[in-house]
């Protein structure tokens, strides 16, 4: 993981690259995860992030069967 000068962290391998940063919104802090190459971005609050920790690896493996959503 590398950190950019603006505070974003970069997580990458030979298949993907995302940036991760903490952002302040009018509804509080969020973790922003962005895929600059693909143009996708999501902001998650603490509860949404915590709910990720409840999931098994199999859940994430199923996400990869249709990584861009149903119909893509």
PDB file of N, CA and C in Angstrom:
ATOM      1  N   UNK A   1       0.858  -1.166   0.000  1.00  0.00           N
ATOM      2  CA  UNK A   1       0.000   0.000   0.000  1.00  0.00           C
ATOM      3  C   UNK A   1       0.899   1.222   0.000  1.00  0.00           C
ATOM      4  N   UNK A   2       0.629   2.143  -0.894  1.00  0.00           N
ATOM      5  CA  UNK A   2       1.362   3.393  -0.981  1.00  0.00           C
ATOM      6  C   UNK A   2       0.448   4.525  -0.549  1.00  0.00           C
ATOM      7  N   UNK A   3       1.028   5.586  -0.020  1.00  0.00           N
ATOM      8  CA  UNK A   3       0.235   6.753   0.326  1.00  0.00           C
ATOM      9  C   UNK A   3       0.613   7.900  -0.589  1.00  0.00           C
ATOM     10  N   UNK A   4      -0.399   8.529  -1.177  1.00  0.00           N
ATOM     11  CA  UNK A   4      -0.178   9.678  -2.041  1.00  0.00           C
ATOM     12  C   UNK A   4      -0.005  10.925  -1.181  1.00  0.00           C
ATOM     13  N   UNK A   5       0.487  12.002  -1.765  1.00  0.00           N
ATOM     14  CA  UNK A   5       0.742  13.223  -1.002  1.00  0.00           C
ATOM     15  C   UNK A   5      -0.538  13.863  -0.471  1.00  0.00           C
ATOM     16  N   UNK A   6      -1.684  13.559  -1.039  1.00  0.00           N
ATOM     17  CA  UNK A   6      -2.943  14.155  -0.563  1.00  0.00           C
ATOM     18  C   UNK A   6      -3.617  13.317   0.520  1.00  0.00           C
ATOM     19  N   UNK A   7      -2.945  12.299   1.042  1.00  0.00           N
ATOM     20  CA  UNK A   7      -3.499  11.499   2.127  1.00  0.00           C
ATOM     21  C   UNK A   7      -4.227  10.243   1.667  1.00  0.00           C
ATOM     22  N   UNK A   8      -4.443  10.093   0.359  1.00  0.00           N
ATOM     23  CA  UNK A   8      -5.080   8.866  -0.134  1.00  0.00           C
ATOM     24  C   UNK A   8      -4.078   7.723  -0.102  1.00  0.00           C
ATOM     25  N   UNK A   9      -4.574   6.547   0.207  1.00  0.00           N
ATOM     26  CA  UNK A   9      -3.743   5.344   0.137  1.00  0.00           C
ATOM     27  C   UNK A   9      -4.100   4.612  -1.147  1.00  0.00           C
ATOM     28  N   UNK A  10      -3.110   3.992  -1.764  1.00  0.00           N
ATOM     29  CA  UNK A  10      -3.317   3.223  -2.985  1.00  0.00           C
ATOM     30  C   UNK A  10      -3.074   1.750  -2.670  1.00  0.00           C
ATOM     31  N   UNK A  11      -4.041   0.915  -3.024  1.00  0.00           N
ATOM     32  CA  UNK A  11      -3.914  -0.529  -2.884  1.00  0.00           C
ATOM     33  C   UNK A  11      -4.026  -1.096  -4.298  1.00  0.00           C
ATOM     34  N   UNK A  12      -2.998  -1.842  -4.724  1.00  0.00           N
ATOM     35  CA  UNK A  12      -2.983  -2.311  -6.109  1.00  0.00           C
ATOM     36  C   UNK A  12      -2.289  -3.661  -6.223  1.00  0.00           C
ATOM     37  N   UNK A  13      -2.659  -4.371  -7.266  1.00  0.00           N
ATOM     38  CA  UNK A  13      -1.938  -5.571  -7.687  1.00  0.00           C
ATOM     39  C   UNK A  13      -1.996  -5.615  -9.206  1.00  0.00           C
ATOM     40  N   UNK A  14      -1.688  -6.747  -9.811  1.00  0.00           N
ATOM     41  CA  UNK A  14      -1.664  -6.819 -11.263  1.00  0.00           C
ATOM     42  C   UNK A  14      -3.055  -6.777 -11.891  1.00  0.00           C
ATOM     43  N   UNK A  15      -4.113  -6.918 -11.082  1.00  0.00           N
ATOM     44  CA  UNK A  15      -5.475  -6.957 -11.601  1.00  0.00           C
ATOM     45  C   UNK A  15      -6.289  -5.694 -11.328  1.00  0.00           C
ATOM     46  N   UNK A  16      -5.965  -4.977 -10.269  1.00  0.00           N
ATOM     47  CA  UNK A  16      -6.806  -3.847  -9.864  1.00  0.00           C
ATOM     48  C   UNK A  16      -6.002  -2.811  -9.094  1.00  0.00           C
ATOM     49  N   UNK A  17      -6.566  -1.590  -9.041  1.00  0.00           N
ATOM     50  CA  UNK A  17      -5.976  -0.517  -8.254  1.00  0.00           C
ATOM     51  C   UNK A  17      -7.106   0.338  -7.706  1.00  0.00           C
ATOM     52  N   UNK A  18      -7.073   0.594  -6.401  1.00  0.00           N
ATOM     53  CA  UNK A  18      -8.052   1.474  -5.771  1.00  0.00           C
ATOM     54  C   UNK A  18      -7.327   2.485  -4.894  1.00  0.00           C
ATOM     55  N   UNK A  19      -7.988   3.629  -4.704  1.00  0.00           N
ATOM     56  CA  UNK A  19      -7.508   4.598  -3.723  1.00  0.00           C
ATOM     57  C   UNK A  19      -8.486   4.598  -2.568  1.00  0.00           C
ATOM     58  N   UNK A  20      -7.976   4.821  -1.374  1.00  0.00           N
ATOM     59  CA  UNK A  20      -8.787   4.829  -0.161  1.00  0.00           C
ATOM     60  C   UNK A  20      -8.471   6.102   0.596  1.00  0.00           C
ATOM     61  N   UNK A  21      -9.510   6.830   1.010  1.00  0.00           N
ATOM     62  CA  UNK A  21      -9.285   8.054   1.778  1.00  0.00           C
ATOM     63  C   UNK A  21     -10.461   8.303   2.712  1.00  0.00           C
ATOM     64  N   UNK A  22     -10.185   9.016   3.777  1.00  0.00           N
ATOM     65  CA  UNK A  22     -11.237   9.426   4.705  1.00  0.00           C
ATOM     66  C   UNK A  22     -11.711  10.801   4.259  1.00  0.00           C
ATOM     67  N   UNK A  23     -13.026  10.955   4.096  1.00  0.00           N
ATOM     68  CA  UNK A  23     -13.589  12.228   3.667  1.00  0.00           C
ATOM     69  C   UNK A  23     -14.642  12.684   4.665  1.00  0.00           C
ATOM     70  N   UNK A  24     -14.783  13.983   4.801  1.00  0.00           N
ATOM     71  CA  UNK A  24     -15.793  14.573   5.669  1.00  0.00           C
ATOM     72  C   UNK A  24     -16.980  14.973   4.805  1.00  0.00           C
ATOM     73  N   UNK A  25     -18.174  14.516   5.171  1.00  0.00           N
ATOM     74  CA  UNK A  25     -19.397  14.905   4.468  1.00  0.00           C
ATOM     75  C   UNK A  25     -20.305  15.621   5.456  1.00  0.00           C
ATOM     76  N   UNK A  26     -21.398  16.173   4.970  1.00  0.00           N
ATOM     77  CA  UNK A  26     -22.313  16.851   5.898  1.00  0.00           C
ATOM     78  C   UNK A  26     -22.972  15.867   6.857  1.00  0.00           C
ATOM     79  N   UNK A  27     -22.891  14.563   6.539  1.00  0.00           N
ATOM     80  CA  UNK A  27     -23.442  13.522   7.403  1.00  0.00           C
ATOM     81  C   UNK A  27     -22.367  12.803   8.209  1.00  0.00           C
ATOM     82  N   UNK A  28     -21.164  13.357   8.275  1.00  0.00           N
ATOM     83  CA  UNK A  28     -20.094  12.755   9.055  1.00  0.00           C
ATOM     84  C   UNK A  28     -18.998  12.165   8.182  1.00  0.00           C
ATOM     85  N   UNK A  29     -18.080  11.474   8.828  1.00  0.00           N
ATOM     86  CA  UNK A  29     -16.943  10.893   8.124  1.00  0.00           C
ATOM     87  C   UNK A  29     -17.365   9.667   7.322  1.00  0.00           C
ATOM     88  N   UNK A  30     -16.696   9.504   6.193  1.00  0.00           N
ATOM     89  CA  UNK A  30     -16.909   8.346   5.331  1.00  0.00           C
ATOM     90  C   UNK A  30     -15.549   7.861   4.840  1.00  0.00           C
ATOM     91  N   UNK A  31     -15.480   6.588   4.523  1.00  0.00           N
ATOM     92  CA  UNK A  31     -14.309   6.055   3.849  1.00  0.00           C
ATOM     93  C   UNK A  31     -14.656   6.016   2.374  1.00  0.00           C
ATOM     94  N   UNK A  32     -13.855   6.687   1.569  1.00  0.00           N
ATOM     95  CA  UNK A  32     -14.091   6.706   0.128  1.00  0.00           C
ATOM     96  C   UNK A  32     -13.151   5.712  -0.533  1.00  0.00           C
ATOM     97  N   UNK A  33     -13.729   4.795  -1.285  1.00  0.00           N
ATOM     98  CA  UNK A  33     -12.967   3.798  -2.034  1.00  0.00           C
ATOM     99  C   UNK A  33     -13.250   4.076  -3.504  1.00  0.00           C
ATOM    100  N   UNK A  34     -12.190   4.330  -4.269  1.00  0.00           N
ATOM    101  CA  UNK A  34     -12.367   4.705  -5.673  1.00  0.00           C
ATOM    102  C   UNK A  34     -11.495   3.837  -6.572  1.00  0.00           C
ATOM    103  N   UNK A  35     -12.016   3.555  -7.752  1.00  0.00           N
ATOM    104  CA  UNK A  35     -11.277   2.856  -8.793  1.00  0.00           C
ATOM    105  C   UNK A  35     -11.072   3.849  -9.938  1.00  0.00           C
ATOM    106  N   UNK A  36      -9.974   4.590  -9.909  1.00  0.00           N
ATOM    107  CA  UNK A  36      -9.770   5.631 -10.916  1.00  0.00           C
ATOM    108  C   UNK A  36      -9.773   5.104 -12.358  1.00  0.00           C
ATOM    109  N   UNK A  37      -9.220   3.945 -12.589  1.00  0.00           N
ATOM    110  CA  UNK A  37      -9.181   3.387 -13.951  1.00  0.00           C
ATOM    111  C   UNK A  37     -10.577   3.121 -14.508  1.00  0.00           C
ATOM    112  N   UNK A  38     -11.484   2.645 -13.636  1.00  0.00           N
ATOM    113  CA  UNK A  38     -12.827   2.278 -14.084  1.00  0.00           C
ATOM    114  C   UNK A  38     -13.853   3.376 -13.844  1.00  0.00           C
ATOM    115  N   UNK A  39     -13.509   4.367 -13.032  1.00  0.00           N
ATOM    116  CA  UNK A  39     -14.433   5.467 -12.763  1.00  0.00           C
ATOM    117  C   UNK A  39     -15.498   5.169 -11.729  1.00  0.00           C
ATOM    118  N   UNK A  40     -15.288   4.167 -10.889  1.00  0.00           N
ATOM    119  CA  UNK A  40     -16.241   3.840  -9.826  1.00  0.00           C
ATOM    120  C   UNK A  40     -15.769   4.437  -8.504  1.00  0.00           C
ATOM    121  N   UNK A  41     -16.718   4.816  -7.653  1.00  0.00           N
ATOM    122  CA  UNK A  41     -16.383   5.375  -6.344  1.00  0.00           C
ATOM    123  C   UNK A  41     -17.548   5.106  -5.396  1.00  0.00           C
ATOM    124  N   UNK A  42     -17.223   4.812  -4.131  1.00  0.00           N
ATOM    125  CA  UNK A  42     -18.255   4.615  -3.116  1.00  0.00           C
ATOM    126  C   UNK A  42     -17.762   5.227  -1.814  1.00  0.00           C
ATOM    127  N   UNK A  43     -18.685   5.793  -1.062  1.00  0.00           N
ATOM    128  CA  UNK A  43     -18.380   6.316   0.274  1.00  0.00           C
ATOM    129  C   UNK A  43     -19.192   5.522   1.288  1.00  0.00           C
ATOM    130  N   UNK A  44     -18.493   4.948   2.268  1.00  0.00           N
ATOM    131  CA  UNK A  44     -19.127   4.094   3.264  1.00  0.00           C
ATOM    132  C   UNK A  44     -18.992   4.689   4.646  1.00  0.00           C
ATOM    133  N   UNK A  45     -20.085   4.641   5.432  1.00  0.00           N
ATOM    134  CA  UNK A  45     -20.014   5.107   6.817  1.00  0.00           C
ATOM    135  C   UNK A  45     -19.543   3.967   7.720  1.00  0.00           C
ATOM    136  N   UNK A  46     -19.410   4.256   8.990  1.00  0.00           N
ATOM    137  CA  UNK A  46     -18.856   3.276   9.933  1.00  0.00           C
ATOM    138  C   UNK A  46     -19.688   1.989   9.988  1.00  0.00           C
ATOM    139  N   UNK A  47     -21.011   2.103   9.991  1.00  0.00           N
ATOM    140  CA  UNK A  47     -21.861   0.910  10.058  1.00  0.00           C
ATOM    141  C   UNK A  47     -21.710   0.065   8.794  1.00  0.00           C
ATOM    142  N   UNK A  48     -21.657   0.715   7.649  1.00  0.00           N
ATOM    143  CA  UNK A  48     -21.485  -0.027   6.398  1.00  0.00           C
ATOM    144  C   UNK A  48     -20.135  -0.743   6.370  1.00  0.00           C
ATOM    145  N   UNK A  49     -19.107  -0.064   6.843  1.00  0.00           N
ATOM    146  CA  UNK A  49     -17.782  -0.699   6.909  1.00  0.00           C
ATOM    147  C   UNK A  49     -17.769  -1.863   7.886  1.00  0.00           C
ATOM    148  N   UNK A  50     -18.380  -1.651   9.039  1.00  0.00           N
ATOM    149  CA  UNK A  50     -18.414  -2.732  10.030  1.00  0.00           C
ATOM    150  C   UNK A  50     -19.141  -3.955   9.467  1.00  0.00           C
ATOM    151  N   UNK A  51     -20.213  -3.716   8.717  1.00  0.00           N
ATOM    152  CA  UNK A  51     -20.974  -4.846   8.173  1.00  0.00           C
ATOM    153  C   UNK A  51     -20.130  -5.668   7.193  1.00  0.00           C
ATOM    154  N   UNK A  52     -19.134  -5.041   6.556  1.00  0.00           N
ATOM    155  CA  UNK A  52     -18.235  -5.807   5.689  1.00  0.00           C
ATOM    156  C   UNK A  52     -17.454  -6.850   6.484  1.00  0.00           C
ATOM    157  N   UNK A  53     -17.117  -6.519   7.721  1.00  0.00           N
ATOM    158  CA  UNK A  53     -16.322  -7.447   8.540  1.00  0.00           C
ATOM    159  C   UNK A  53     -17.128  -8.670   8.970  1.00  0.00           C
ATOM    160  N   UNK A  54     -18.437  -8.597   8.852  1.00  0.00           N
ATOM    161  CA  UNK A  54     -19.289  -9.735   9.223  1.00  0.00           C
ATOM    162  C   UNK A  54     -19.355 -10.778   8.108  1.00  0.00           C
ATOM    163  N   UNK A  55     -18.885 -10.430   6.924  1.00  0.00           N
ATOM    164  CA  UNK A  55     -19.050 -11.284   5.751  1.00  0.00           C
ATOM    165  C   UNK A  55     -17.931 -12.312   5.639  1.00  0.00           C
ATOM    166  N   UNK A  56     -18.263 -13.420   5.031  1.00  0.00           N
ATOM    167  CA  UNK A  56     -17.255 -14.444   4.759  1.00  0.00           C
ATOM    168  C   UNK A  56     -16.571 -14.127   3.429  1.00  0.00           C
ATOM    169  N   UNK A  57     -15.439 -14.746   3.199  1.00  0.00           N
ATOM    170  CA  UNK A  57     -14.746 -14.557   1.918  1.00  0.00           C
ATOM    171  C   UNK A  57     -15.612 -15.020   0.751  1.00  0.00           C
ATOM    172  N   UNK A  58     -16.475 -15.990   0.981  1.00  0.00           N
ATOM    173  CA  UNK A  58     -17.337 -16.492  -0.080  1.00  0.00           C
ATOM    174  C   UNK A  58     -18.275 -15.407  -0.595  1.00  0.00           C
ATOM    175  N   UNK A  59     -18.728 -14.516   0.280  1.00  0.00           N
ATOM    176  CA  UNK A  59     -19.598 -13.416  -0.144  1.00  0.00           C
ATOM    177  C   UNK A  59     -18.872 -12.560  -1.173  1.00  0.00           C
ATOM    178  N   UNK A  60     -17.620 -12.230  -0.905  1.00  0.00           N
ATOM    179  CA  UNK A  60     -16.857 -11.400  -1.825  1.00  0.00           C
ATOM    180  C   UNK A  60     -16.541 -12.150  -3.114  1.00  0.00           C
ATOM    181  N   UNK A  61     -16.334 -13.443  -3.012  1.00  0.00           N
ATOM    182  CA  UNK A  61     -16.110 -14.247  -4.217  1.00  0.00           C
ATOM    183  C   UNK A  61     -17.344 -14.222  -5.118  1.00  0.00           C
ATOM    184  N   UNK A  62     -18.532 -14.255  -4.515  1.00  0.00           N
ATOM    185  CA  UNK A  62     -19.769 -14.182  -5.305  1.00  0.00           C
ATOM    186  C   UNK A  62     -19.895 -12.823  -5.987  1.00  0.00           C
ATOM    187  N   UNK A  63     -19.429 -11.752  -5.337  1.00  0.00           N
ATOM    188  CA  UNK A  63     -19.454 -10.423  -5.965  1.00  0.00           C
ATOM    189  C   UNK A  63     -18.684 -10.433  -7.276  1.00  0.00           C
ATOM    190  N   UNK A  64     -17.611 -11.187  -7.338  1.00  0.00           N
ATOM    191  CA  UNK A  64     -16.747 -11.194  -8.511  1.00  0.00           C
ATOM    192  C   UNK A  64     -17.334 -11.962  -9.692  1.00  0.00           C
ATOM    193  N   UNK A  65     -18.395 -12.720  -9.470  1.00  0.00           N
ATOM    194  CA  UNK A  65     -19.050 -13.407 -10.587  1.00  0.00           C
ATOM    195  C   UNK A  65     -19.682 -12.395 -11.535  1.00  0.00           C
ATOM    196  N   UNK A  66     -20.199 -11.289 -10.990  1.00  0.00           N
ATOM    197  CA  UNK A  66     -20.726 -10.173 -11.780  1.00  0.00           C
ATOM    198  C   UNK A  66     -20.185  -8.880 -11.165  1.00  0.00           C
ATOM    199  N   UNK A  67     -18.887  -8.583 -11.369  1.00  0.00           N
ATOM    200  CA  UNK A  67     -18.247  -7.488 -10.661  1.00  0.00           C
ATOM    201  C   UNK A  67     -18.838  -6.113 -10.949  1.00  0.00           C
ATOM    202  N   UNK A  68     -19.489  -5.924 -12.082  1.00  0.00           N
ATOM    203  CA  UNK A  68     -20.051  -4.607 -12.395  1.00  0.00           C
ATOM    204  C   UNK A  68     -21.571  -4.587 -12.223  1.00  0.00           C
ATOM    205  N   UNK A  69     -22.104  -5.591 -11.551  1.00  0.00           N
ATOM    206  CA  UNK A  69     -23.518  -5.657 -11.275  1.00  0.00           C
ATOM    207  C   UNK A  69     -24.250  -6.533 -12.281  1.00  0.00           C
ATOM    208  N   UNK A  70     -25.501  -6.897 -11.970  1.00  0.00           N
ATOM    209  CA  UNK A  70     -26.290  -7.736 -12.869  1.00  0.00           C
ATOM    210  C   UNK A  70     -26.472  -7.035 -14.232  1.00  0.00           C
ATOM    211  N   UNK A  71     -26.376  -7.796 -15.277  1.00  0.00           N
ATOM    212  CA  UNK A  71     -26.605  -7.239 -16.605  1.00  0.00           C
ATOM    213  C   UNK A  71     -25.388  -6.599 -17.245  1.00  0.00           C
ATOM    214  N   UNK A  72     -24.245  -6.608 -16.576  1.00  0.00           N
ATOM    215  CA  UNK A  72     -23.040  -6.018 -17.170  1.00  0.00           C
ATOM    216  C   UNK A  72     -22.075  -7.095 -17.586  1.00  0.00           C
TER     217      UNK A  72
END
